Amino acid sequence: MPTSIQRSQKRGIRWPTHGMLLPRTFLIRDELRSGRSSATLPRIGSPAYDAAFMTAKISPRPLGLREKAQLMSASEIERTLVRLVHEIIEKNNGAAELGLVGIRRRGVPLAQRLGQMIARIEKTPVPVGTLDITLYRDDLSTLGPKPVVQKTEIGFPITGKNVILVDDVLYTGRTIRAAMDALFREGRPKQVQLCVLIDRGHRELPIEAGFIGRKVQTSDREIIEVKLREVDDMEKVLLVERQD
């Protein structure tokens, strides 16, 4: 059976076959019609490029959770941090005696961003430390009977300083209490303040944040997921719900 090229040549159409790739559809169709094996042919529908490098790292979500809404975009998070920075500077009369301590995981990059922005505005470096706490979170999983401080890397003397604890979500308040206990084992700060990106309510202890990015009313079935580029390769805040 004549191929499409041979039929075209009979009609007087010249095909520039030398030094030029034929369209993929013509090559596959002619191979099939000629009866030759298609084992060496590219698979139809296979991607024309390797897109593995384009796949973003996505933090796995536990089974039984359904995304309900996006609460904040990347630009909204950035604007919120800028506002929080100015509130912190105003309340503390600058940054001379200021120190930030982020609670792992996502409180740490938030504290680092805030510290960098404050330093740019006030023209003075702002020390940033970290606290690693095994969380007892009803919205994730029960890791223990109470929050336990695993590792402390303050990195600067906190005695006499205005220390700001930074976390992504304020919920029951138990994690913040554990962080405050760890702080006072390191020294005697002049003042301890709390800065959170999201306050979702449901407090079990009399702990409130002085600097709040956004208050979100939630039910016990709902969970706030904060995604940051330093940890998740994406930037947004999501509201998800348990599907029990």
Foldseek 3Di string as FASTA:
>chain_A
DDAPQVVCVVVVDDDPPPPDDDDPVSVVVRCVVVPHDCPPPDDPPDDPDDCPVVDFFADDDDPQKFFDDFDWAQVLLVVLLVVLLVVVCVVVVAQPQEEEEAEPDVRQVSRVVSQVVSCVVRVHGHYYWYWYWDQCDLQPHGPDPAIDTDDTGRPDQQDAGEYEYGYAEDAQCRNVVNVVVVNVVRHHHPHYAYAYAEYAYHYNDPDDHPHYSDYHDDDSQKDWDADDCVPGVGGTITIMGGRD
